[in-house]
């Protein structure tokens, strides 16, 4: 099953840009298809691969940077942008 996710990450820190950049960098290195913009990051892939990557990313984020809020919208199916 293919999964499309819109993810936003809000580290609860004054210097929030480095954690956001690192989260996006880690998602891009995950092997999933990732599109980022100023508002959110879209992640696309097989359900289990996406959920495993998001779980590992969230755990790493909390362990590395502490408190943060993640918001996500999940949609079954392929909603990748078409050029």
Protein backbone atom coordinates (compact mmCIF):
# COMPACT_ATOMS: atom_id res chain seq x y z
CA UNK A 1 0.00 0.00 0.00
CA UNK A 2 1.33 3.43 -0.97
CA UNK A 3 1.21 6.28 1.56
CA UNK A 4 1.37 10.06 1.13
CA UNK A 5 2.20 12.18 4.20
CA UNK A 6 2.34 15.91 4.82
CA UNK A 7 4.57 16.50 7.84
CA UNK A 8 5.37 19.62 9.84
CA UNK A 9 7.94 19.75 12.65
CA UNK A 10 8.02 22.42 15.34
CA UNK A 11 10.97 22.15 17.75
CA UNK A 12 10.22 23.97 20.99
CA UNK A 13 13.44 25.96 20.99
CA UNK A 14 14.47 29.52 20.21
CA UNK A 15 17.02 28.32 17.64
CA UNK A 16 14.63 26.12 15.65
CA UNK A 17 16.17 26.24 12.17
CA UNK A 18 19.05 23.76 12.68
CA UNK A 19 16.75 21.00 14.02
CA UNK A 20 14.27 21.53 11.18
CA UNK A 21 17.04 21.35 8.58
CA UNK A 22 18.41 18.17 10.15
CA UNK A 23 14.98 16.50 10.25
CA UNK A 24 14.45 17.24 6.54
CA UNK A 25 18.00 16.06 5.75
CA UNK A 26 17.37 12.78 7.55
CA UNK A 27 14.08 12.27 5.72
CA UNK A 28 15.81 12.90 2.39
CA UNK A 29 18.46 10.30 3.30
CA UNK A 30 15.80 7.72 4.19
CA UNK A 31 15.33 6.54 0.61
CA UNK A 32 11.76 7.81 0.50
CA UNK A 33 10.54 10.41 -1.94
CA UNK A 34 10.61 13.77 -0.12
CA UNK A 35 9.51 17.25 -1.17
CA UNK A 36 10.08 20.20 1.18
CA UNK A 37 8.82 23.75 1.19
CA UNK A 38 8.56 26.54 3.76
CA UNK A 39 5.37 25.17 5.32
CA UNK A 40 5.75 21.39 5.39
CA UNK A 41 7.47 18.35 4.00
CA UNK A 42 5.71 15.74 1.89
CA UNK A 43 6.85 12.12 2.17
CA UNK A 44 5.84 9.33 -0.21
CA UNK A 45 6.47 5.60 -0.22
CA UNK A 46 5.27 2.19 0.78
CA UNK A 47 3.27 2.28 4.01
CA UNK A 48 5.64 0.27 6.21
CA UNK A 49 8.73 2.09 4.95
CA UNK A 50 7.16 5.51 5.58
CA UNK A 51 5.88 4.62 9.04
CA UNK A 52 9.21 3.04 10.05
CA UNK A 53 11.11 6.13 8.85
CA UNK A 54 8.77 8.53 10.65
CA UNK A 55 8.93 6.52 13.88
CA UNK A 56 12.74 6.45 13.84
CA UNK A 57 12.90 10.14 12.93
CA UNK A 58 10.57 11.21 15.73
CA UNK A 59 12.45 9.14 18.31
CA UNK A 60 15.79 10.53 17.13
CA UNK A 61 14.41 14.10 17.20
CA UNK A 62 13.13 13.80 20.77
CA UNK A 63 16.39 12.20 21.95
CA UNK A 64 18.53 14.78 20.16
CA UNK A 65 16.62 18.05 20.46
CA UNK A 66 14.06 17.46 23.20
CA UNK A 67 10.51 18.71 23.09
CA UNK A 68 8.89 19.28 19.71
CA UNK A 69 5.53 19.04 18.02
CA UNK A 70 4.98 16.99 14.88
CA UNK A 71 1.81 17.37 12.84
CA UNK A 72 0.99 14.99 10.02
CA UNK A 73 -1.73 14.27 7.50
CA UNK A 74 -1.83 10.73 6.12
CA UNK A 75 -3.52 9.80 2.88
CA UNK A 76 -3.59 6.31 1.43
CA UNK A 77 -2.50 6.39 -2.19
CA UNK A 78 -0.04 8.15 -4.43
CA UNK A 79 -0.46 11.93 -4.15
CA UNK A 80 2.97 12.89 -5.42
CA UNK A 81 3.07 16.22 -7.27
CA UNK A 82 3.01 15.86 -11.02
CA UNK A 83 5.38 18.09 -12.99
